[in-house]
Amino acid sequence: MSSLRSVAIRMLSRREHSAEELRSKLLTKARTSDWLDDTDEAEVAELISQLQQEGLQSDQRFAESYTHMRYNKGYGPVRIDNELRERGVSENIRYSCLHDSGRDAEHDWSALIVRVREKKFGRSIPDDYAERAKQMRFLQYRGFTSEKIRELF
């Protein structure tokens, strides 16, 4: 268990991981390592629980960090929410990271959608329906809500 713990701590020292990501990586590592062959899922779950109790692993911290990183890369709340769900983050944590503007006013989705569109297509809003539809599809792909996209145009 101590060698598995050191592997987990090394992973967490590089970047935040969700509990699900960490579980998956540790199980993969255990299956591919000769010296961790006897590791089972219960042992990994117990280790992750210990790490959470010690404050070394936190889904809340992971989600905040991940949201901030993806926001800075120009991705919208729908896409970030889906990516966090894929990584096993609970709905309450995802919601608090993406929608609690009182706690996290730095995520201004209206300002971000304007910046993303202008970076890709320039400042002027197109009159042409085809070009407008192209820009709307791009923004939808980036993870912005239909409401924010309609607001922009």
C-alpha atoms as a PDB file:
ATOM      1  CA  MET A   1       0.000   0.000   0.000  1.00  0.00           C
ATOM      2  CA  SER A   2       2.842   2.436   0.770  1.00  0.00           C
ATOM      3  CA  SER A   3       4.272   2.108  -2.769  1.00  0.00           C
ATOM      4  CA  LEU A   4       0.793   2.683  -4.200  1.00  0.00           C
ATOM      5  CA  ARG A   5       0.431   5.707  -1.927  1.00  0.00           C
ATOM      6  CA  SER A   6       3.723   7.156  -3.148  1.00  0.00           C
ATOM      7  CA  VAL A   7       2.570   6.701  -6.765  1.00  0.00           C
ATOM      8  CA  ALA A   8      -0.687   8.511  -5.943  1.00  0.00           C
ATOM      9  CA  ILE A   9       1.105  11.362  -4.176  1.00  0.00           C
ATOM     10  CA  ARG A  10       3.496  11.761  -7.118  1.00  0.00           C
ATOM     11  CA  MET A  11       0.502  12.026  -9.455  1.00  0.00           C
ATOM     12  CA  LEU A  12      -1.202  14.575  -7.224  1.00  0.00           C
ATOM     13  CA  SER A  13       1.976  16.617  -6.863  1.00  0.00           C
ATOM     14  CA  ARG A  14       2.068  17.216 -10.622  1.00  0.00           C
ATOM     15  CA  ARG A  15      -1.557  18.375 -10.923  1.00  0.00           C
ATOM     16  CA  GLU A  16      -4.972  17.974  -9.343  1.00  0.00           C
ATOM     17  CA  HIS A  17      -6.856  14.785 -10.240  1.00  0.00           C
ATOM     18  CA  SER A  18     -10.484  13.863  -9.659  1.00  0.00           C
ATOM     19  CA  ALA A  19     -11.025  10.801  -7.498  1.00  0.00           C
ATOM     20  CA  GLU A  20     -12.240   8.861 -10.538  1.00  0.00           C
ATOM     21  CA  GLU A  21      -9.192   9.834 -12.636  1.00  0.00           C
ATOM     22  CA  LEU A  22      -6.856   8.893  -9.800  1.00  0.00           C
ATOM     23  CA  ARG A  23      -8.624   5.555  -9.271  1.00  0.00           C
ATOM     24  CA  SER A  24      -8.389   4.722 -12.965  1.00  0.00           C
ATOM     25  CA  LYS A  25      -4.714   5.686 -13.229  1.00  0.00           C
ATOM     26  CA  LEU A  26      -3.746   3.788 -10.082  1.00  0.00           C
ATOM     27  CA  LEU A  27      -5.534   0.633 -11.234  1.00  0.00           C
ATOM     28  CA  THR A  28      -3.874   0.867 -14.644  1.00  0.00           C
ATOM     29  CA  LYS A  29      -0.503   1.391 -13.002  1.00  0.00           C
ATOM     30  CA  ALA A  30      -1.103  -1.566 -10.676  1.00  0.00           C
ATOM     31  CA  ARG A  31      -2.053  -3.852 -13.564  1.00  0.00           C
ATOM     32  CA  THR A  32       1.004  -2.924 -15.610  1.00  0.00           C
ATOM     33  CA  SER A  33       3.540  -2.975 -12.760  1.00  0.00           C
ATOM     34  CA  ASP A  34       5.087  -6.175 -11.485  1.00  0.00           C
ATOM     35  CA  TRP A  35       5.524  -4.793  -7.967  1.00  0.00           C
ATOM     36  CA  LEU A  36       1.853  -3.723  -7.662  1.00  0.00           C
ATOM     37  CA  ASP A  37       0.255  -6.894  -9.078  1.00  0.00           C
ATOM     38  CA  ASP A  38      -1.686  -7.778  -5.956  1.00  0.00           C
ATOM     39  CA  THR A  39      -3.469  -4.400  -5.760  1.00  0.00           C
ATOM     40  CA  ASP A  40      -7.256  -4.574  -5.995  1.00  0.00           C
ATOM     41  CA  GLU A  41     -10.020  -1.995  -6.387  1.00  0.00           C
ATOM     42  CA  ALA A  42     -10.903  -2.009  -2.684  1.00  0.00           C
ATOM     43  CA  GLU A  43      -7.326  -1.130  -1.776  1.00  0.00           C
ATOM     44  CA  VAL A  44      -7.299   1.742  -4.271  1.00  0.00           C
ATOM     45  CA  ALA A  45     -10.668   3.013  -3.004  1.00  0.00           C
ATOM     46  CA  GLU A  46      -9.368   2.928   0.582  1.00  0.00           C
ATOM     47  CA  LEU A  47      -6.228   4.833  -0.431  1.00  0.00           C
ATOM     48  CA  ILE A  48      -8.242   7.516  -2.231  1.00  0.00           C
ATOM     49  CA  SER A  49     -10.495   7.872   0.804  1.00  0.00           C
ATOM     50  CA  GLN A  50      -7.418   8.383   3.011  1.00  0.00           C
ATOM     51  CA  LEU A  51      -6.016  10.969   0.601  1.00  0.00           C
ATOM     52  CA  GLN A  52      -9.334  12.840   0.661  1.00  0.00           C
ATOM     53  CA  GLN A  53      -9.440  12.815   4.472  1.00  0.00           C
ATOM     54  CA  GLU A  54      -5.895  14.184   4.566  1.00  0.00           C
ATOM     55  CA  GLY A  55      -6.840  16.927   2.086  1.00  0.00           C
ATOM     56  CA  LEU A  56      -4.428  15.682  -0.567  1.00  0.00           C
ATOM     57  CA  GLN A  57      -7.180  14.871  -3.079  1.00  0.00           C
ATOM     58  CA  SER A  58     -10.273  17.003  -3.556  1.00  0.00           C
ATOM     59  CA  ASP A  59     -12.806  16.873  -6.374  1.00  0.00           C
ATOM     60  CA  GLN A  60     -13.793  20.469  -5.533  1.00  0.00           C
ATOM     61  CA  ARG A  61     -10.212  21.682  -5.939  1.00  0.00           C
ATOM     62  CA  PHE A  62      -9.817  19.642  -9.123  1.00  0.00           C
ATOM     63  CA  ALA A  63     -13.029  21.042 -10.616  1.00  0.00           C
ATOM     64  CA  GLU A  64     -12.096  24.643  -9.780  1.00  0.00           C
ATOM     65  CA  SER A  65      -8.641  24.227 -11.278  1.00  0.00           C
ATOM     66  CA  TYR A  66      -9.950  22.449 -14.377  1.00  0.00           C
ATOM     67  CA  THR A  67     -12.731  25.004 -14.915  1.00  0.00           C
ATOM     68  CA  HIS A  68     -10.281  27.883 -14.637  1.00  0.00           C
ATOM     69  CA  MET A  69      -7.860  26.241 -17.099  1.00  0.00           C
ATOM     70  CA  ARG A  70     -10.563  25.498 -19.707  1.00  0.00           C
ATOM     71  CA  TYR A  71     -12.150  28.936 -19.263  1.00  0.00           C
ATOM     72  CA  ASN A  72      -8.785  30.534 -20.016  1.00  0.00           C
ATOM     73  CA  LYS A  73      -8.562  28.428 -23.195  1.00  0.00           C
ATOM     74  CA  GLY A  74     -11.926  29.785 -24.371  1.00  0.00           C
ATOM     75  CA  TYR A  75     -14.294  26.907 -23.619  1.00  0.00           C
ATOM     76  CA  GLY A  76     -17.864  27.461 -22.473  1.00  0.00           C
ATOM     77  CA  PRO A  77     -19.789  26.046 -19.537  1.00  0.00           C
ATOM     78  CA  VAL A  78     -21.556  23.241 -21.432  1.00  0.00           C
ATOM     79  CA  ARG A  79     -18.315  21.725 -22.689  1.00  0.00           C
ATOM     80  CA  ILE A  80     -16.528  22.133 -19.360  1.00  0.00           C
ATOM     81  CA  ASP A  81     -19.480  20.535 -17.559  1.00  0.00           C
ATOM     82  CA  ASN A  82     -19.369  17.529 -19.895  1.00  0.00           C
ATOM     83  CA  GLU A  83     -15.615  17.150 -19.439  1.00  0.00           C
ATOM     84  CA  LEU A  84     -15.944  17.295 -15.638  1.00  0.00           C
ATOM     85  CA  ARG A  85     -18.748  14.704 -15.775  1.00  0.00           C
ATOM     86  CA  GLU A  86     -16.464  12.410 -17.805  1.00  0.00           C
ATOM     87  CA  ARG A  87     -13.868  12.753 -15.064  1.00  0.00           C
ATOM     88  CA  GLY A  88     -16.323  11.641 -12.384  1.00  0.00           C
ATOM     89  CA  VAL A  89     -17.019  14.986 -10.698  1.00  0.00           C
ATOM     90  CA  SER A  90     -20.394  15.166  -8.940  1.00  0.00           C
ATOM     91  CA  GLU A  91     -23.210  17.362 -10.213  1.00  0.00           C
ATOM     92  CA  ASN A  92     -23.149  19.634  -7.137  1.00  0.00           C
ATOM     93  CA  ILE A  93     -19.454  20.387  -7.536  1.00  0.00           C
ATOM     94  CA  ARG A  94     -19.804  20.957 -11.290  1.00  0.00           C
ATOM     95  CA  TYR A  95     -22.698  23.331 -10.728  1.00  0.00           C
ATOM     96  CA  SER A  96     -20.880  25.297  -8.037  1.00  0.00           C
ATOM     97  CA  CYS A  97     -17.799  25.726 -10.233  1.00  0.00           C
ATOM     98  CA  LEU A  98     -19.704  26.787 -13.338  1.00  0.00           C
ATOM     99  CA  HIS A  99     -22.698  28.757 -12.075  1.00  0.00           C
ATOM    100  CA  ASP A 100     -22.052  30.286  -8.660  1.00  0.00           C
ATOM    101  CA  SER A 101     -21.181  33.752  -9.870  1.00  0.00           C
ATOM    102  CA  GLY A 102     -21.132  35.135  -6.324  1.00  0.00           C
ATOM    103  CA  ARG A 103     -18.206  32.919  -5.362  1.00  0.00           C
ATOM    104  CA  ASP A 104     -16.456  32.876  -8.703  1.00  0.00           C
ATOM    105  CA  ALA A 105     -17.177  36.120 -10.522  1.00  0.00           C
ATOM    106  CA  GLU A 106     -14.045  35.716 -12.623  1.00  0.00           C
ATOM    107  CA  HIS A 107     -15.948  33.387 -14.977  1.00  0.00           C
ATOM    108  CA  ASP A 108     -17.944  35.872 -17.036  1.00  0.00           C
ATOM    109  CA  TRP A 109     -19.346  33.677 -19.791  1.00  0.00           C
ATOM    110  CA  SER A 110     -20.839  36.655 -21.684  1.00  0.00           C
ATOM    111  CA  ALA A 111     -17.474  38.372 -21.940  1.00  0.00           C
ATOM    112  CA  LEU A 112     -15.741  35.110 -22.842  1.00  0.00           C
ATOM    113  CA  ILE A 113     -18.076  34.306 -25.738  1.00  0.00           C
ATOM    114  CA  VAL A 114     -17.409  37.760 -27.221  1.00  0.00           C
ATOM    115  CA  ARG A 115     -13.633  37.293 -26.891  1.00  0.00           C
ATOM    116  CA  VAL A 116     -13.714  33.798 -28.426  1.00  0.00           C
ATOM    117  CA  ARG A 117     -15.837  34.906 -31.393  1.00  0.00           C
ATOM    118  CA  GLU A 118     -13.741  38.009 -32.040  1.00  0.00           C
ATOM    119  CA  LYS A 119     -10.482  36.067 -31.848  1.00  0.00           C
ATOM    120  CA  LYS A 120     -11.671  33.572 -34.446  1.00  0.00           C
ATOM    121  CA  PHE A 121     -13.801  35.749 -36.750  1.00  0.00           C
ATOM    122  CA  GLY A 122     -12.984  39.406 -36.098  1.00  0.00           C
ATOM    123  CA  ARG A 123     -15.045  42.198 -34.574  1.00  0.00           C
ATOM    124  CA  SER A 124     -17.906  42.617 -37.053  1.00  0.00           C
ATOM    125  CA  ILE A 125     -21.054  40.503 -36.756  1.00  0.00           C
ATOM    126  CA  PRO A 126     -21.855  39.023 -40.190  1.00  0.00           C
ATOM    127  CA  ASP A 127     -25.071  39.855 -42.063  1.00  0.00           C
ATOM    128  CA  ASP A 128     -24.810  36.733 -44.195  1.00  0.00           C
ATOM    129  CA  TYR A 129     -26.921  33.871 -42.810  1.00  0.00           C
ATOM    130  CA  ALA A 130     -24.402  31.166 -43.787  1.00  0.00           C
ATOM    131  CA  GLU A 131     -21.498  32.933 -42.084  1.00  0.00           C
ATOM    132  CA  ARG A 132     -23.600  33.637 -39.005  1.00  0.00           C
ATOM    133  CA  ALA A 133     -24.618  29.954 -38.814  1.00  0.00           C
ATOM    134  CA  LYS A 134     -20.960  28.925 -39.151  1.00  0.00           C
ATOM    135  CA  GLN A 135     -19.979  31.160 -36.244  1.00  0.00           C
ATOM    136  CA  MET A 136     -22.872  29.906 -34.143  1.00  0.00           C
ATOM    137  CA  ARG A 137     -21.878  26.277 -34.752  1.00  0.00           C
ATOM    138  CA  PHE A 138     -18.309  27.091 -33.743  1.00  0.00           C
ATOM    139  CA  LEU A 139     -19.463  28.692 -30.488  1.00  0.00           C
ATOM    140  CA  GLN A 140     -21.768  25.768 -29.776  1.00  0.00           C
ATOM    141  CA  TYR A 141     -18.846  23.372 -30.339  1.00  0.00           C
ATOM    142  CA  ARG A 142     -16.794  25.420 -27.874  1.00  0.00           C
ATOM    143  CA  GLY A 143     -19.477  24.814 -25.260  1.00  0.00           C
ATOM    144  CA  PHE A 144     -21.556  27.958 -25.064  1.00  0.00           C
ATOM    145  CA  THR A 145     -25.296  27.778 -24.453  1.00  0.00           C
ATOM    146  CA  SER A 146     -27.770  28.555 -27.225  1.00  0.00           C
ATOM    147  CA  GLU A 147     -29.066  31.405 -25.085  1.00  0.00           C
ATOM    148  CA  LYS A 148     -25.636  33.088 -24.868  1.00  0.00           C
ATOM    149  CA  ILE A 149     -25.056  32.544 -28.595  1.00  0.00           C
ATOM    150  CA  ARG A 150     -28.422  34.141 -29.502  1.00  0.00           C
ATOM    151  CA  GLU A 151     -27.657  37.012 -27.102  1.00  0.00           C
ATOM    152  CA  LEU A 152     -24.376  37.640 -28.897  1.00  0.00           C
ATOM    153  CA  PHE A 153     -25.929  37.785 -32.359  1.00  0.00           C
END
